[in-house]
Protein backbone atom coordinates (compact mmCIF):
# COMPACT_ATOMS: atom_id res chain seq x y z
CA MET A 1 2.63 -1.02 13.14
CA TYR A 2 0.77 -1.71 16.89
CA LEU A 3 3.51 -4.73 16.99
CA ASP A 4 6.65 -3.63 15.35
CA SER A 5 6.40 -0.16 17.58
CA ASN A 6 6.64 -2.38 20.92
CA VAL A 7 9.11 -4.48 19.45
CA MET A 8 11.36 -1.41 18.44
CA ALA A 9 10.54 0.04 21.64
CA GLY A 10 12.08 -3.25 23.53
CA ARG A 11 8.89 -4.07 25.38
CA THR A 12 8.80 -7.50 23.81
CA GLY A 13 10.59 -10.92 24.44
CA ASP A 14 12.39 -12.84 21.88
CA TYR A 15 10.81 -14.00 18.31
CA HIS A 16 9.70 -17.83 18.67
CA ASN A 17 7.89 -19.68 16.41
CA GLY A 18 6.62 -16.65 13.81
CA ARG A 19 5.54 -14.72 17.13
CA TYR A 20 7.01 -12.34 19.98
CA ARG A 21 7.13 -13.45 23.54
CA GLY A 22 5.26 -11.12 25.87
CA ILE A 23 2.81 -10.33 23.53
CA THR A 24 -1.03 -11.65 23.56
CA TYR A 25 -1.89 -11.74 19.94
CA LEU A 26 -5.78 -10.92 19.32
CA ASP A 27 -6.20 -13.87 16.58
CA SER A 28 -8.85 -12.66 13.85
CA THR A 29 -9.98 -15.42 11.71
CA MET A 30 -12.89 -16.52 9.63
CA GLU A 31 -14.20 -18.69 12.45
CA ASN A 32 -14.54 -15.67 15.09
CA ASN A 33 -15.74 -13.32 11.97
CA PHE A 34 -12.68 -11.75 12.61
CA LEU A 35 -13.55 -10.27 15.75
CA PRO A 36 -10.92 -11.50 18.50
CA LYS A 37 -12.05 -12.85 21.63
CA ILE A 38 -11.09 -11.32 24.92
CA PRO A 39 -8.10 -12.39 26.39
CA ASP A 40 -8.32 -15.15 29.51
CA GLU A 41 -5.15 -13.23 30.96
CA ARG A 42 -4.54 -9.99 31.72
CA VAL A 43 -3.04 -7.53 29.82
CA GLU A 44 -1.67 -4.01 30.22
CA LEU A 45 -1.90 -2.30 26.74
CA ILE A 46 -4.79 -3.20 24.07
CA TYR A 47 -4.75 -2.22 20.45
CA LEU A 48 -7.92 -2.10 18.50
CA CYS A 49 -8.95 -0.85 15.06
CA PHE A 50 -12.48 -0.47 14.00
CA PRO A 51 -13.42 -0.50 11.27
CA ASN A 52 -10.43 -2.44 11.09
CA ASN A 53 -7.55 -2.67 8.77
CA PRO A 54 -7.07 -5.01 6.89
CA THR A 55 -10.11 -7.12 7.18
CA GLY A 56 -12.68 -4.16 7.03
CA VAL A 57 -14.93 -5.44 9.87
CA THR A 58 -16.54 -3.20 12.41
CA ILE A 59 -17.56 -3.83 16.07
CA SER A 60 -20.97 -3.10 17.62
CA LYS A 61 -21.49 -1.08 20.91
CA ASP A 62 -21.93 -3.97 22.95
CA GLY A 63 -18.96 -5.74 21.42
CA LEU A 64 -16.70 -2.44 22.30
CA LYS A 65 -18.56 -2.36 25.89
CA LYS A 66 -17.16 -5.60 26.52
CA TRP A 67 -13.51 -4.55 25.87
CA VAL A 68 -14.04 -1.38 27.85
CA ASP A 69 -15.42 -3.58 30.87
CA TYR A 70 -12.51 -5.87 30.37
CA ALA A 71 -10.03 -2.86 30.39
CA ARG A 72 -11.65 -1.13 33.60
CA GLU A 73 -11.47 -4.47 35.54
CA ASN A 74 -8.09 -5.20 34.76
CA LYS A 75 -6.61 -1.95 34.85
CA ALA A 76 -5.54 -1.83 31.27
CA VAL A 77 -5.33 0.75 28.75
CA ILE A 78 -7.09 0.54 25.20
CA LEU A 79 -5.48 2.37 22.36
CA TYR A 80 -8.30 2.59 20.16
CA ASP A 81 -7.51 3.66 16.07
CA ALA A 82 -10.46 5.09 14.65
CA ALA A 83 -8.71 6.22 11.46
CA TYR A 84 -11.38 5.16 9.25
CA GLU A 85 -14.58 6.04 11.21
CA ALA A 86 -15.60 8.46 8.31
CA PHE A 87 -16.50 5.30 6.33
CA ILE A 88 -19.05 4.36 9.00
CA ARG A 89 -22.81 4.61 7.43
CA ASP A 90 -24.49 2.26 9.97
CA GLU A 91 -25.96 4.38 12.67
CA LYS A 92 -26.11 1.47 14.90
CA LEU A 93 -22.04 1.22 14.87
CA PRO A 94 -19.99 3.36 17.37
CA ARG A 95 -17.84 5.55 15.38
CA SER A 96 -15.91 6.26 18.88
CA ILE A 97 -15.20 4.33 21.90
CA TYR A 98 -16.15 7.18 23.99
CA GLU A 99 -19.72 6.52 22.94
CA ILE A 100 -19.26 3.64 25.29
CA GLU A 101 -19.56 4.24 29.03
CA GLY A 102 -16.57 4.14 31.20
CA ALA A 103 -14.27 4.31 28.13
CA LYS A 104 -12.93 7.76 29.17
CA GLU A 105 -11.49 6.05 32.31
CA VAL A 106 -9.48 3.59 29.93
CA ALA A 107 -9.37 4.35 26.52
CA ILE A 108 -7.05 6.62 24.19
CA GLU A 109 -8.17 7.29 20.59
CA PHE A 110 -6.31 8.63 17.81
CA ARG A 111 -7.58 9.31 14.10
CA SER A 112 -5.70 10.17 10.96
CA PHE A 113 -6.80 12.95 8.12
CA SER A 114 -5.29 10.64 5.49
CA LYS A 115 -8.15 8.65 4.55
CA THR A 116 -10.89 10.88 5.84
CA ALA A 117 -9.81 14.08 3.81
CA GLY A 118 -6.80 12.83 1.50
CA PHE A 119 -4.12 14.01 3.85
CA THR A 120 -1.75 11.03 2.98
CA GLY A 121 1.78 12.35 3.27
CA THR A 122 0.93 15.59 5.46
CA ARG A 123 1.29 13.88 8.52
CA CYS A 124 -1.61 15.41 10.39
CA ALA A 125 -3.57 13.35 12.65
CA PHE A 126 -4.58 13.68 16.55
CA THR A 127 -4.98 11.75 19.45
CA VAL A 128 -7.92 12.10 22.44
CA VAL A 129 -6.21 11.53 25.71
CA PRO A 130 -9.29 12.08 28.22
CA LYS A 131 -8.37 13.77 31.78
CA GLU A 132 -10.15 10.72 33.43
CA CYS A 133 -7.85 8.38 31.82
CA VAL A 134 -5.33 6.40 34.05
CA ALA A 135 -2.69 3.85 33.74
CA TYR A 136 -1.23 2.27 36.87
CA ASP A 137 2.04 1.06 37.70
CA VAL A 138 3.51 -2.20 39.08
CA HIS A 139 2.90 -1.01 42.91
CA GLY A 140 -0.91 -0.39 41.54
CA ASN A 141 -0.79 3.31 41.92
CA ALA A 142 -2.73 5.23 39.26
CA HIS A 143 -1.15 8.10 36.86
CA ASP A 144 -3.11 10.33 34.96
CA LEU A 145 -1.97 10.06 31.34
CA HIS A 146 -3.28 13.46 30.10
CA SER A 147 -0.51 15.23 31.86
CA ILE A 148 1.96 12.45 31.05
CA TRP A 149 1.09 12.83 26.97
CA ASN A 150 1.30 16.48 27.42
CA ARG A 151 4.72 16.47 28.83
CA ARG A 152 5.86 14.04 26.18
CA HIS A 153 4.44 15.78 23.36
CA CYS A 154 5.56 19.23 24.16
CA THR A 155 9.17 17.72 24.15
CA LYS A 156 9.24 15.53 21.17
CA PHE A 157 7.18 17.36 18.94
CA ASN A 158 6.69 21.28 17.74
CA GLY A 159 3.32 20.90 15.90
CA VAL A 160 1.98 20.53 12.29
CA SER A 161 2.86 23.09 9.73
CA TYR A 162 0.44 26.31 9.82
CA PRO A 163 -0.94 25.35 6.29
CA VAL A 164 -1.67 22.36 7.32
CA GLN A 165 -3.41 22.89 10.35
CA ARG A 166 -5.63 25.35 8.31
CA ALA A 167 -6.40 22.46 5.85
CA ALA A 168 -7.23 20.14 8.69
CA GLU A 169 -9.59 22.80 10.18
CA ALA A 170 -11.47 23.25 6.93
CA VAL A 171 -12.48 19.35 7.38
CA TYR A 172 -14.63 20.45 10.24
CA SER A 173 -16.38 23.49 8.20
CA ASP A 174 -19.75 22.95 6.51
CA GLN A 175 -18.31 22.42 3.13
CA GLY A 176 -15.64 20.23 4.40
CA LYS A 177 -17.92 17.85 6.06
CA LEU A 178 -19.73 17.47 3.00
CA GLN A 179 -16.63 17.10 0.80
CA VAL A 180 -15.63 14.24 3.10
CA LYS A 181 -19.08 12.59 3.08
CA LYS A 182 -18.72 12.86 -0.89
CA LEU A 183 -15.23 11.39 -0.63
CA THR A 184 -16.09 8.56 1.70
CA ASP A 185 -19.25 7.67 -0.31
CA TYR A 186 -17.25 7.52 -3.74
CA TYR A 187 -14.71 4.98 -2.02
CA LEU A 188 -17.37 2.89 -0.52
CA LYS A 189 -19.22 2.74 -3.92
CA ASN A 190 -15.66 1.14 -5.26
CA ALA A 191 -15.69 -1.34 -2.20
CA ALA A 192 -19.29 -2.53 -2.79
CA LEU A 193 -18.22 -2.96 -6.60
CA ILE A 194 -15.05 -5.28 -5.72
CA LYS A 195 -17.01 -7.18 -2.65
CA ASP A 196 -20.07 -7.79 -5.21
CA GLU A 197 -17.34 -9.09 -8.19
CA ILE A 198 -15.49 -11.11 -5.58
CA LYS A 199 -18.32 -12.88 -4.00
CA SER A 200 -19.56 -13.63 -7.83
CA LEU A 201 -16.45 -15.44 -8.22
CA GLY A 202 -16.88 -17.85 -5.20
CA PHE A 203 -14.18 -15.79 -2.63
CA PRO A 204 -15.43 -15.68 0.95
CA CYS A 205 -14.69 -12.08 1.83
CA ALA A 206 -15.14 -9.51 4.53
CA GLY A 207 -15.41 -5.78 4.87
CA GLY A 208 -16.35 -3.30 2.09
CA ASP A 209 -19.72 -2.35 3.83
CA ASN A 210 -18.59 0.27 6.45
CA SER A 211 -14.78 0.30 5.48
CA PRO A 212 -12.80 0.69 2.09
CA TYR A 213 -10.93 -2.63 2.64
CA ILE A 214 -12.29 -5.90 1.52
CA TRP A 215 -10.57 -9.09 3.04
CA ILE A 216 -10.33 -12.04 0.55
CA PHE A 217 -9.76 -15.80 1.26
CA GLY A 218 -7.81 -17.20 -1.28
CA ASN A 219 -7.43 -20.68 -0.15
CA ARG A 220 -3.92 -20.68 -1.08
CA ASP A 221 -0.57 -18.93 -0.04
CA SER A 222 -1.03 -15.30 -0.12
CA TRP A 223 2.12 -14.21 -1.95
CA ASP A 224 0.95 -16.72 -4.62
CA PHE A 225 -1.89 -15.33 -4.78
CA PHE A 226 -0.48 -11.65 -5.45
CA ASP A 227 1.84 -13.22 -7.82
CA MET A 228 -0.84 -14.59 -9.62
CA LEU A 229 -2.84 -11.38 -9.81
CA LEU A 230 0.24 -9.07 -10.51
CA GLU A 231 0.95 -11.51 -13.50
CA LYS A 232 -2.33 -12.23 -15.04
CA THR A 233 -3.86 -8.80 -14.57
CA GLY A 234 -1.40 -6.39 -13.55
CA VAL A 235 -3.64 -5.68 -10.25
CA VAL A 236 -1.91 -5.29 -7.37
CA CYS A 237 -3.28 -6.53 -3.84
CA THR A 238 -1.73 -6.81 -0.68
CA PRO A 239 -0.75 -10.20 0.99
CA GLY A 240 -2.25 -11.10 4.00
CA ALA A 241 0.82 -12.78 5.19
CA GLY A 242 2.03 -9.19 6.02
CA PHE A 243 -0.23 -8.66 8.64
CA GLY A 244 0.69 -11.48 10.49
CA ARG A 245 0.16 -15.49 10.69
CA CYS A 246 -3.56 -14.76 10.72
CA GLY A 247 -3.36 -13.18 7.30
CA GLU A 248 -1.94 -16.48 5.73
CA GLY A 249 -4.00 -16.99 2.77
CA PHE A 250 -6.12 -13.93 2.52
CA ILE A 251 -5.09 -10.80 0.46
CA ARG A 252 -6.45 -7.51 0.82
CA LEU A 253 -8.08 -5.01 -1.85
CA SER A 254 -8.21 -1.50 -1.57
CA ALA A 255 -11.13 0.96 -2.71
CA PHE A 256 -8.87 3.89 -2.98
CA ASN A 257 -8.90 4.60 -6.98
CA SER A 258 -11.27 5.75 -9.62
CA TYR A 259 -14.20 3.91 -10.08
CA GLU A 260 -13.34 3.46 -13.89
CA ASN A 261 -9.88 1.80 -12.72
CA VAL A 262 -11.85 -0.33 -10.23
CA GLN A 263 -14.37 -1.60 -12.86
CA LYS A 264 -11.04 -2.19 -15.38
CA ALA A 265 -9.50 -4.35 -12.44
CA MET A 266 -12.55 -6.09 -11.67
CA GLY A 267 -12.71 -7.11 -15.33
CA LYS A 268 -9.54 -8.21 -15.67
CA ILE A 269 -9.80 -10.36 -12.66
CA LYS A 270 -12.84 -11.92 -13.49
CA LYS A 271 -11.29 -13.09 -16.98
CA ALA A 272 -8.14 -14.54 -14.87
CA ILE A 273 -9.65 -16.41 -12.40
């Protein structure tokens, strides 16, 4: 989505050898533990997603600070997708980029209620644009992003419907927080089962600890793995190739289902593989 939205907006060059010119790709591989290295060259916009979709990996505060420092030094803006922060259980991990000193100057954070509170389809999310956050034009002049975003949003969007707003408000009530914790705990239990079973079968995998996704290396074409699971077990996965070149050879399994269905699915997979 980060790539395609920029392609559709006309910000990239032509398509060549499987990638678009004008884009610096942050390769996430087993070799770098799915934590991409900071670019050698200067970039203007940086997309980060932690806990990550599809790999399920998380980033430490020290790791995130390196990105914030890079953005400050290079006058870049970080677009930080924290859609899955509710799944973080490790208290040492950052749940927001604003836990990092200086991040308000360079980072925009956005979150979704979809996975946090089962809001998929209601189209409710939020974006945080700190008043300290600025972007620089080609002449090096700083521009306040908060006022620009406010102007854009007021022009293009009339707001989420009132019933959905009230539902979103309820997420932050004492009862709502308990329900979110219970829901995400349930999915994390599913993820732990998937990860344990997949590892027992000898497949390297990532995620599943502070994330609802398990990223599995099948050592074969992603679509072949997808077809094999579908035909032999009736289990639907997501082919890693759909997430870009680095996803080839991987599949993603999701914890969003009932525990009973996850048990059945893993039982079928163990018999088929």
